N, C-alpha and C. Protein backbone atom coordinates (compact mmCIF):
# COMPACT_ATOMS: atom_id res chain seq x y z
N MET A 1 0.80 -1.17 0.00
CA MET A 1 0.00 0.00 0.00
C MET A 1 0.85 1.25 0.00
N ASP A 2 1.96 1.04 0.52
CA ASP A 2 2.86 2.17 0.53
C ASP A 2 3.19 2.59 -0.89
N ALA A 3 3.26 1.67 -1.73
CA ALA A 3 3.57 2.03 -3.11
C ALA A 3 2.46 2.89 -3.66
N LEU A 4 1.23 2.62 -3.29
CA LEU A 4 0.12 3.43 -3.75
C LEU A 4 0.18 4.79 -3.08
N GLY A 5 0.57 4.80 -1.83
CA GLY A 5 0.66 6.05 -1.10
C GLY A 5 1.76 6.92 -1.68
N GLN A 6 2.85 6.30 -2.07
CA GLN A 6 3.93 7.07 -2.64
C GLN A 6 3.49 7.68 -3.96
N LEU A 7 2.60 7.06 -4.66
CA LEU A 7 2.10 7.60 -5.92
C LEU A 7 1.03 8.65 -5.66
N GLY A 8 0.57 8.82 -4.50
CA GLY A 8 -0.43 9.80 -4.15
C GLY A 8 -1.83 9.26 -4.29
N ILE A 9 -1.97 7.95 -4.22
CA ILE A 9 -3.29 7.34 -4.35
C ILE A 9 -3.65 6.79 -2.99
N SER A 10 -4.84 7.18 -2.52
CA SER A 10 -5.32 6.63 -1.25
C SER A 10 -6.37 5.61 -1.56
N LEU A 11 -6.39 4.54 -0.77
CA LEU A 11 -7.32 3.44 -1.01
C LEU A 11 -8.76 3.88 -0.80
N PRO A 12 -9.12 4.61 0.23
CA PRO A 12 -10.51 5.03 0.34
C PRO A 12 -10.90 5.97 -0.81
N GLY A 13 -10.00 6.83 -1.24
CA GLY A 13 -10.31 7.72 -2.37
C GLY A 13 -10.50 6.93 -3.66
N LEU A 14 -9.68 5.89 -3.83
CA LEU A 14 -9.79 5.04 -5.02
C LEU A 14 -11.10 4.28 -5.00
N ALA A 15 -11.49 3.76 -3.83
CA ALA A 15 -12.75 3.02 -3.71
C ALA A 15 -13.91 3.96 -3.99
N THR A 16 -13.85 5.18 -3.47
CA THR A 16 -14.91 6.15 -3.69
C THR A 16 -15.01 6.50 -5.17
N GLN A 17 -13.90 6.70 -5.78
CA GLN A 17 -13.91 7.03 -7.20
C GLN A 17 -14.41 5.85 -8.03
N LEU A 18 -14.03 4.65 -7.63
CA LEU A 18 -14.47 3.45 -8.35
C LEU A 18 -15.97 3.29 -8.21
N ILE A 19 -16.50 3.46 -6.99
CA ILE A 19 -17.94 3.35 -6.76
C ILE A 19 -18.66 4.46 -7.51
N SER A 20 -18.12 5.67 -7.51
CA SER A 20 -18.73 6.79 -8.23
C SER A 20 -18.75 6.50 -9.74
N PHE A 21 -17.68 5.91 -10.25
CA PHE A 21 -17.61 5.60 -11.68
C PHE A 21 -18.65 4.54 -12.05
N ILE A 22 -18.80 3.52 -11.19
CA ILE A 22 -19.78 2.46 -11.44
C ILE A 22 -21.18 3.05 -11.40
N ILE A 23 -21.43 3.92 -10.39
CA ILE A 23 -22.75 4.56 -10.31
C ILE A 23 -22.98 5.42 -11.56
N LEU A 24 -21.95 6.14 -12.01
CA LEU A 24 -22.08 6.97 -13.22
C LEU A 24 -22.38 6.10 -14.43
N LEU A 25 -21.72 4.95 -14.53
CA LEU A 25 -21.98 4.03 -15.65
C LEU A 25 -23.42 3.53 -15.61
N ILE A 26 -23.90 3.17 -14.41
CA ILE A 26 -25.28 2.69 -14.29
C ILE A 26 -26.25 3.79 -14.69
N ILE A 27 -26.00 5.02 -14.20
CA ILE A 27 -26.89 6.14 -14.53
C ILE A 27 -26.84 6.42 -16.03
N LEU A 28 -25.64 6.43 -16.59
CA LEU A 28 -25.52 6.68 -18.04
C LEU A 28 -26.21 5.58 -18.85
N LYS A 29 -26.07 4.34 -18.37
CA LYS A 29 -26.72 3.24 -19.08
C LYS A 29 -28.22 3.42 -19.04
N LYS A 30 -28.76 3.77 -17.89
CA LYS A 30 -30.21 3.93 -17.76
C LYS A 30 -30.68 5.17 -18.51
N VAL A 31 -29.96 6.28 -18.36
CA VAL A 31 -30.44 7.55 -18.90
C VAL A 31 -30.08 7.71 -20.38
N LEU A 32 -28.85 7.44 -20.75
CA LEU A 32 -28.43 7.73 -22.12
C LEU A 32 -28.37 6.49 -23.02
N TYR A 33 -27.75 5.44 -22.57
CA TYR A 33 -27.51 4.27 -23.41
C TYR A 33 -28.83 3.66 -23.88
N GLY A 34 -29.77 3.47 -22.98
CA GLY A 34 -31.07 2.88 -23.33
C GLY A 34 -31.79 3.69 -24.42
N PRO A 35 -31.99 5.00 -24.21
CA PRO A 35 -32.66 5.79 -25.24
C PRO A 35 -31.88 5.86 -26.55
N ILE A 36 -30.55 5.94 -26.46
CA ILE A 36 -29.76 6.01 -27.69
C ILE A 36 -29.88 4.70 -28.46
N VAL A 37 -29.78 3.57 -27.75
CA VAL A 37 -29.92 2.26 -28.39
C VAL A 37 -31.32 2.12 -28.97
N LYS A 38 -32.32 2.56 -28.20
CA LYS A 38 -33.70 2.49 -28.68
C LYS A 38 -33.86 3.34 -29.94
N MET A 39 -33.29 4.56 -29.93
CA MET A 39 -33.37 5.44 -31.09
C MET A 39 -32.65 4.82 -32.29
N LEU A 40 -31.48 4.23 -32.06
CA LEU A 40 -30.75 3.57 -33.14
C LEU A 40 -31.52 2.36 -33.67
N ASP A 41 -32.15 1.59 -32.77
CA ASP A 41 -32.96 0.45 -33.21
C ASP A 41 -34.14 0.91 -34.06
N GLU A 42 -34.80 1.99 -33.60
CA GLU A 42 -35.93 2.53 -34.36
C GLU A 42 -35.47 3.00 -35.74
N ARG A 43 -34.33 3.69 -35.75
CA ARG A 43 -33.81 4.18 -37.03
C ARG A 43 -33.45 3.00 -37.93
N SER A 44 -32.85 1.97 -37.37
CA SER A 44 -32.51 0.77 -38.12
C SER A 44 -33.77 0.12 -38.69
N ASP A 45 -34.82 0.03 -37.86
CA ASP A 45 -36.10 -0.54 -38.33
C ASP A 45 -36.68 0.30 -39.47
N LYS A 46 -36.58 1.64 -39.31
CA LYS A 46 -37.10 2.53 -40.35
C LYS A 46 -36.35 2.32 -41.66
N ILE A 47 -35.04 2.21 -41.56
CA ILE A 47 -34.22 1.99 -42.76
C ILE A 47 -34.57 0.65 -43.39
N LYS A 48 -34.74 -0.40 -42.57
CA LYS A 48 -35.13 -1.72 -43.10
C LYS A 48 -36.48 -1.63 -43.80
N ASP A 49 -37.43 -0.94 -43.16
CA ASP A 49 -38.75 -0.77 -43.78
C ASP A 49 -38.64 -0.02 -45.10
N SER A 50 -37.82 1.03 -45.11
CA SER A 50 -37.64 1.81 -46.34
C SER A 50 -37.02 0.95 -47.43
N LEU A 51 -36.02 0.14 -47.06
CA LEU A 51 -35.40 -0.75 -48.05
C LEU A 51 -36.39 -1.79 -48.56
N GLU A 52 -37.18 -2.36 -47.66
CA GLU A 52 -38.19 -3.35 -48.08
C GLU A 52 -39.21 -2.69 -48.99
N THR A 53 -39.64 -1.47 -48.62
CA THR A 53 -40.60 -0.74 -49.45
C THR A 53 -40.00 -0.45 -50.82
N ALA A 54 -38.73 -0.02 -50.83
CA ALA A 54 -38.06 0.27 -52.11
C ALA A 54 -37.96 -0.99 -52.96
N GLU A 55 -37.61 -2.11 -52.34
CA GLU A 55 -37.53 -3.38 -53.09
C GLU A 55 -38.89 -3.78 -53.62
N ARG A 56 -39.93 -3.63 -52.77
CA ARG A 56 -41.29 -3.98 -53.20
C ARG A 56 -41.73 -3.09 -54.36
N VAL A 57 -41.46 -1.78 -54.23
CA VAL A 57 -41.83 -0.84 -55.30
C VAL A 57 -41.07 -1.17 -56.57
N GLN A 58 -39.79 -1.49 -56.43
CA GLN A 58 -39.00 -1.84 -57.61
C GLN A 58 -39.54 -3.12 -58.26
N LYS A 59 -39.89 -4.09 -57.43
CA LYS A 59 -40.44 -5.35 -57.95
C LYS A 59 -41.77 -5.08 -58.65
N GLU A 60 -42.64 -4.28 -58.00
CA GLU A 60 -43.93 -3.95 -58.60
C GLU A 60 -43.74 -3.18 -59.90
N SER A 61 -42.75 -2.28 -59.91
CA SER A 61 -42.46 -1.52 -61.12
C SER A 61 -42.01 -2.44 -62.25
N ALA A 62 -41.14 -3.39 -61.92
CA ALA A 62 -40.68 -4.36 -62.92
C ALA A 62 -41.85 -5.19 -63.43
N GLU A 63 -42.72 -5.64 -62.51
CA GLU A 63 -43.89 -6.41 -62.92
C GLU A 63 -44.82 -5.56 -63.78
N SER A 64 -45.00 -4.31 -63.39
CA SER A 64 -45.85 -3.40 -64.14
C SER A 64 -45.29 -3.17 -65.54
N GLN A 65 -43.97 -2.99 -65.62
CA GLN A 65 -43.35 -2.81 -66.93
C GLN A 65 -43.50 -4.07 -67.78
N ALA A 66 -43.32 -5.22 -67.17
CA ALA A 66 -43.47 -6.48 -67.91
C ALA A 66 -44.90 -6.64 -68.39
N GLU A 67 -45.85 -6.31 -67.52
CA GLU A 67 -47.27 -6.41 -67.91
C GLU A 67 -47.58 -5.41 -69.02
N ALA A 68 -47.07 -4.19 -68.90
CA ALA A 68 -47.30 -3.18 -69.93
C ALA A 68 -46.69 -3.62 -71.26
N LYS A 69 -45.50 -4.22 -71.19
CA LYS A 69 -44.85 -4.71 -72.41
C LYS A 69 -45.67 -5.83 -73.04
N SER A 70 -46.16 -6.74 -72.21
CA SER A 70 -46.96 -7.84 -72.76
C SER A 70 -48.26 -7.31 -73.35
N GLN A 71 -48.87 -6.32 -72.70
CA GLN A 71 -50.09 -5.73 -73.25
C GLN A 71 -49.79 -5.01 -74.56
N LEU A 72 -48.66 -4.30 -74.60
CA LEU A 72 -48.27 -3.62 -75.83
C LEU A 72 -48.01 -4.62 -76.95
N ASP A 73 -47.32 -5.72 -76.61
CA ASP A 73 -47.08 -6.76 -77.61
C ASP A 73 -48.39 -7.36 -78.10
N ALA A 74 -49.31 -7.60 -77.16
CA ALA A 74 -50.62 -8.15 -77.53
C ALA A 74 -51.37 -7.16 -78.42
N ALA A 75 -51.30 -5.88 -78.08
CA ALA A 75 -51.98 -4.86 -78.89
C ALA A 75 -51.36 -4.78 -80.28
N ARG A 76 -50.03 -4.88 -80.34
CA ARG A 76 -49.37 -4.88 -81.66
C ARG A 76 -49.81 -6.08 -82.48
N ALA A 77 -49.82 -7.25 -81.85
CA ALA A 77 -50.22 -8.46 -82.56
C ALA A 77 -51.66 -8.32 -83.05
N GLU A 78 -52.53 -7.80 -82.19
CA GLU A 78 -53.93 -7.62 -82.58
C GLU A 78 -54.03 -6.61 -83.73
N GLY A 79 -53.24 -5.55 -83.65
CA GLY A 79 -53.24 -4.56 -84.72
C GLY A 79 -52.78 -5.17 -86.04
N GLN A 80 -51.72 -5.97 -85.99
CA GLN A 80 -51.23 -6.63 -87.20
C GLN A 80 -52.29 -7.58 -87.76
N GLU A 81 -52.98 -8.28 -86.85
CA GLU A 81 -54.03 -9.19 -87.29
C GLU A 81 -55.17 -8.42 -87.96
N LEU A 82 -55.55 -7.29 -87.36
CA LEU A 82 -56.61 -6.47 -87.95
C LEU A 82 -56.19 -5.93 -89.32
N ILE A 83 -54.93 -5.53 -89.44
CA ILE A 83 -54.44 -5.04 -90.72
C ILE A 83 -54.48 -6.16 -91.75
N ALA A 84 -54.05 -7.35 -91.35
CA ALA A 84 -54.08 -8.50 -92.27
C ALA A 84 -55.50 -8.82 -92.70
N GLN A 85 -56.44 -8.78 -91.75
CA GLN A 85 -57.84 -9.03 -92.09
C GLN A 85 -58.37 -7.97 -93.04
N ALA A 86 -58.01 -6.71 -92.79
CA ALA A 86 -58.47 -5.63 -93.66
C ALA A 86 -57.91 -5.80 -95.07
N ARG A 87 -56.63 -6.18 -95.16
CA ARG A 87 -56.05 -6.41 -96.49
C ARG A 87 -56.75 -7.57 -97.20
N GLU A 88 -57.00 -8.63 -96.44
CA GLU A 88 -57.67 -9.79 -97.02
C GLU A 88 -59.06 -9.41 -97.53
N MET A 89 -59.79 -8.64 -96.71
CA MET A 89 -61.12 -8.21 -97.12
C MET A 89 -61.04 -7.32 -98.36
N ALA A 90 -60.05 -6.42 -98.40
CA ALA A 90 -59.89 -5.54 -99.55
C ALA A 90 -59.56 -6.36 -100.80
N ASP A 91 -58.69 -7.35 -100.66
CA ASP A 91 -58.37 -8.21 -101.80
C ASP A 91 -59.59 -8.97 -102.29
N ARG A 92 -60.36 -9.51 -101.32
CA ARG A 92 -61.58 -10.24 -101.69
C ARG A 92 -62.57 -9.32 -102.40
N TYR A 93 -62.74 -8.11 -101.86
CA TYR A 93 -63.67 -7.15 -102.45
C TYR A 93 -63.21 -6.78 -103.86
N ARG A 94 -61.89 -6.56 -104.02
CA ARG A 94 -61.35 -6.21 -105.33
C ARG A 94 -61.60 -7.34 -106.32
N GLU A 95 -61.37 -8.59 -105.88
CA GLU A 95 -61.60 -9.73 -106.76
C GLU A 95 -63.07 -9.85 -107.15
N GLU A 96 -63.97 -9.65 -106.17
CA GLU A 96 -65.40 -9.72 -106.47
C GLU A 96 -65.79 -8.63 -107.46
N GLU A 97 -65.26 -7.43 -107.26
CA GLU A 97 -65.56 -6.33 -108.17
C GLU A 97 -65.02 -6.64 -109.57
N MET A 98 -63.81 -7.20 -109.64
CA MET A 98 -63.23 -7.55 -110.94
C MET A 98 -64.09 -8.59 -111.64
N GLU A 99 -64.55 -9.60 -110.90
CA GLU A 99 -65.40 -10.63 -111.48
C GLU A 99 -66.71 -10.02 -111.99
N GLN A 100 -67.28 -9.12 -111.19
CA GLN A 100 -68.53 -8.48 -111.58
C GLN A 100 -68.33 -7.63 -112.84
N VAL A 101 -67.23 -6.86 -112.88
CA VAL A 101 -66.95 -6.03 -114.06
C VAL A 101 -66.72 -6.92 -115.28
N LYS A 102 -65.98 -8.02 -115.09
CA LYS A 102 -65.75 -8.94 -116.22
C LYS A 102 -67.06 -9.51 -116.73
N ALA A 103 -67.95 -9.88 -115.80
CA ALA A 103 -69.25 -10.42 -116.21
C ALA A 103 -70.06 -9.37 -116.96
N GLU A 104 -70.04 -8.12 -116.47
CA GLU A 104 -70.78 -7.06 -117.15
C GLU A 104 -70.20 -6.80 -118.54
N ILE A 105 -68.87 -6.81 -118.64
CA ILE A 105 -68.23 -6.60 -119.95
C ILE A 105 -68.60 -7.73 -120.90
N GLN A 106 -68.56 -8.97 -120.40
CA GLN A 106 -68.91 -10.12 -121.25
C GLN A 106 -70.37 -10.03 -121.70
N GLU A 107 -71.25 -9.63 -120.79
CA GLU A 107 -72.67 -9.49 -121.13
C GLU A 107 -72.86 -8.41 -122.20
N ALA A 108 -72.19 -7.27 -122.04
CA ALA A 108 -72.29 -6.19 -123.03
C ALA A 108 -71.72 -6.65 -124.36
N ARG A 109 -70.63 -7.41 -124.32
CA ARG A 109 -70.03 -7.93 -125.54
C ARG A 109 -70.99 -8.89 -126.26
N ASN A 110 -71.61 -9.77 -125.47
CA ASN A 110 -72.57 -10.71 -126.06
C ASN A 110 -73.74 -9.97 -126.70
N ARG A 111 -74.25 -8.94 -126.00
CA ARG A 111 -75.36 -8.15 -126.58
C ARG A 111 -74.92 -7.46 -127.87
N ALA A 112 -73.69 -6.90 -127.86
CA ALA A 112 -73.18 -6.21 -129.05
C ALA A 112 -73.02 -7.20 -130.20
N GLU A 113 -72.48 -8.39 -129.91
CA GLU A 113 -72.32 -9.40 -130.96
C GLU A 113 -73.67 -9.81 -131.52
N THR A 114 -74.66 -9.97 -130.63
CA THR A 114 -76.01 -10.34 -131.09
C THR A 114 -76.59 -9.25 -131.98
N THR A 115 -76.44 -8.00 -131.55
CA THR A 115 -76.96 -6.87 -132.33
C THR A 115 -76.26 -6.79 -133.68
N ILE A 116 -74.94 -6.94 -133.68
CA ILE A 116 -74.18 -6.89 -134.93
C ILE A 116 -74.61 -8.02 -135.86
N GLN A 117 -74.78 -9.23 -135.31
CA GLN A 117 -75.19 -10.37 -136.13
C GLN A 117 -76.58 -10.12 -136.73
N ARG A 118 -77.49 -9.58 -135.89
CA ARG A 118 -78.84 -9.28 -136.38
C ARG A 118 -78.80 -8.26 -137.52
N GLU A 119 -78.01 -7.19 -137.33
CA GLU A 119 -77.90 -6.16 -138.36
C GLU A 119 -77.24 -6.71 -139.62
N LYS A 120 -76.24 -7.57 -139.42
CA LYS A 120 -75.55 -8.19 -140.57
C LYS A 120 -76.54 -9.05 -141.36
N ASP A 121 -77.32 -9.86 -140.62
CA ASP A 121 -78.32 -10.71 -141.29
C ASP A 121 -79.33 -9.86 -142.04
N ALA A 122 -79.74 -8.74 -141.43
CA ALA A 122 -80.71 -7.86 -142.09
C ALA A 122 -80.12 -7.26 -143.36
N VAL A 123 -78.85 -6.82 -143.29
CA VAL A 123 -78.20 -6.24 -144.47
C VAL A 123 -78.05 -7.29 -145.56
N VAL A 124 -77.64 -8.50 -145.17
CA VAL A 124 -77.49 -9.58 -146.17
C VAL A 124 -78.84 -9.88 -146.82
N GLU A 125 -79.89 -9.92 -146.00
CA GLU A 125 -81.22 -10.19 -146.53
C GLU A 125 -81.66 -9.07 -147.48
N GLU A 126 -81.34 -7.84 -147.08
CA GLU A 126 -81.70 -6.69 -147.94
C GLU A 126 -80.94 -6.75 -149.26
N ILE A 127 -79.64 -7.10 -149.18
CA ILE A 127 -78.84 -7.21 -150.41
C ILE A 127 -79.38 -8.33 -151.29
N ARG A 128 -79.77 -9.45 -150.69
CA ARG A 128 -80.33 -10.57 -151.47
C ARG A 128 -81.62 -10.13 -152.17
N ALA A 129 -82.46 -9.45 -151.39
CA ALA A 129 -83.73 -9.01 -151.98
C ALA A 129 -83.47 -8.04 -153.13
N GLU A 130 -82.53 -7.11 -152.91
CA GLU A 130 -82.22 -6.12 -153.95
C GLU A 130 -81.59 -6.80 -155.16
N PHE A 131 -80.67 -7.73 -154.88
CA PHE A 131 -80.02 -8.43 -155.98
C PHE A 131 -81.04 -9.28 -156.77
N ALA A 132 -81.97 -9.89 -156.01
CA ALA A 132 -83.00 -10.68 -156.69
C ALA A 132 -83.84 -9.77 -157.58
N GLY A 133 -84.15 -8.57 -157.05
CA GLY A 133 -84.92 -7.62 -157.87
C GLY A 133 -84.15 -7.20 -159.10
N ILE A 134 -82.86 -6.97 -158.95
CA ILE A 134 -82.02 -6.57 -160.09
C ILE A 134 -81.95 -7.71 -161.09
N ALA A 135 -81.77 -8.93 -160.56
CA ALA A 135 -81.67 -10.08 -161.46
C ALA A 135 -82.97 -10.28 -162.23
N ILE A 136 -84.10 -10.07 -161.55
CA ILE A 136 -85.40 -10.23 -162.22
C ILE A 136 -85.57 -9.16 -163.28
N THR A 137 -85.19 -7.94 -162.95
CA THR A 137 -85.30 -6.84 -163.91
C THR A 137 -84.41 -7.11 -165.11
N ALA A 138 -83.19 -7.57 -164.85
CA ALA A 138 -82.26 -7.86 -165.94
C ALA A 138 -82.80 -9.00 -166.79
N ALA A 139 -83.37 -10.01 -166.15
CA ALA A 139 -83.91 -11.15 -166.90
C ALA A 139 -85.08 -10.71 -167.77
N GLU A 140 -85.91 -9.81 -167.22
CA GLU A 140 -87.05 -9.31 -168.00
C GLU A 140 -86.57 -8.57 -169.23
N LYS A 141 -85.54 -7.77 -169.06
CA LYS A 141 -85.04 -6.98 -170.19
C LYS A 141 -84.35 -7.89 -171.21
N ILE A 142 -83.66 -8.93 -170.70
CA ILE A 142 -82.98 -9.85 -171.62
C ILE A 142 -84.02 -10.60 -172.44
N ILE A 143 -85.07 -10.99 -171.80
CA ILE A 143 -86.10 -11.73 -172.49
C ILE A 143 -86.76 -10.84 -173.55
N ASN A 144 -86.94 -9.60 -173.21
CA ASN A 144 -87.59 -8.67 -174.14
C ASN A 144 -86.72 -8.36 -175.33
N GLN A 145 -85.47 -8.45 -175.24
CA GLN A 145 -84.62 -8.15 -176.38
C GLN A 145 -83.42 -9.09 -176.39
N SER A 146 -82.97 -9.36 -177.54
CA SER A 146 -81.82 -10.20 -177.73
C SER A 146 -80.60 -9.28 -177.68
N LEU A 147 -79.61 -9.69 -176.96
CA LEU A 147 -78.50 -8.78 -176.69
C LEU A 147 -77.23 -9.25 -177.36
N ASP A 148 -76.50 -8.27 -177.84
CA ASP A 148 -75.13 -8.53 -178.23
C ASP A 148 -74.26 -8.06 -177.08
N GLU A 149 -72.96 -8.13 -177.23
CA GLU A 149 -72.09 -7.81 -176.10
C GLU A 149 -72.22 -6.35 -175.71
N LYS A 150 -72.29 -5.45 -176.63
CA LYS A 150 -72.38 -4.03 -176.35
C LYS A 150 -73.69 -3.70 -175.67
N SER A 151 -74.78 -4.22 -176.18
CA SER A 151 -76.07 -3.95 -175.57
C SER A 151 -76.19 -4.64 -174.21
N HIS A 152 -75.50 -5.76 -174.06
CA HIS A 152 -75.49 -6.46 -172.77
C HIS A 152 -74.84 -5.58 -171.69
N LYS A 153 -73.68 -4.97 -172.01
CA LYS A 153 -73.01 -4.08 -171.06
C LYS A 153 -73.88 -2.88 -170.76
N LYS A 154 -74.50 -2.32 -171.80
CA LYS A 154 -75.35 -1.15 -171.61
C LYS A 154 -76.52 -1.50 -170.72
N LEU A 155 -77.08 -2.66 -170.91
CA LEU A 155 -78.21 -3.10 -170.10
C LEU A 155 -77.82 -3.23 -168.63
N ILE A 156 -76.65 -3.82 -168.37
CA ILE A 156 -76.19 -3.98 -166.98
C ILE A 156 -75.97 -2.61 -166.35
N ASP A 157 -75.34 -1.69 -167.10
CA ASP A 157 -75.11 -0.35 -166.57
C ASP A 157 -76.43 0.36 -166.27
N ASP A 158 -77.39 0.22 -167.17
CA ASP A 158 -78.69 0.87 -166.96
C ASP A 158 -79.39 0.32 -165.70
N VAL A 159 -79.36 -1.00 -165.54
CA VAL A 159 -80.03 -1.62 -164.38
C VAL A 159 -79.35 -1.17 -163.09
N LEU A 160 -78.02 -1.11 -163.12
CA LEU A 160 -77.30 -0.68 -161.92
C LEU A 160 -77.59 0.77 -161.60
N GLN A 161 -77.72 1.61 -162.62
CA GLN A 161 -78.01 3.02 -162.36
C GLN A 161 -79.44 3.21 -161.86
N GLU A 162 -80.34 2.44 -162.33
CA GLU A 162 -81.72 2.53 -161.87
C GLU A 162 -81.84 2.16 -160.39
N ASN A 163 -81.08 1.19 -159.97
CA ASN A 163 -81.19 0.69 -158.59
C ASN A 163 -80.29 1.43 -157.60
N SER A 164 -79.43 2.28 -158.08
CA SER A 164 -78.60 2.98 -157.11
C SER A 164 -79.13 4.34 -156.75
């Protein structure tokens, strides 16, 4: 103990200081350490909650983007299908119109051919009737007179001039 005394340390003073330090530690633990630890725990919980919320929001955002992409892809596919259907309908309509126009043209052509044939037959019949009349007139004149070559030509010219 003398060694402690030589250093200027007294045992009762050391015990008092030691007891005071322990009491100070107990008071600090009760007053400061508990609330500080509690505050740090609360802050840690808040940070964990924020991180979990951020992860959840990020996951929901990724799911939302994936869903939006799939909906966009579905809409594109549906749009392409509608365009294909519209083209198909337009092609079908065009073909139907072409068939109808072809049928109308063929019908008009058939009517024109029929009309032309009828008119041709009428002209041929008219020419036959006229030629028959000319032939009869020529025969009557031939019978009435005997012809030589010169009078024969004159007779033909006269008959043709009368009928034209």
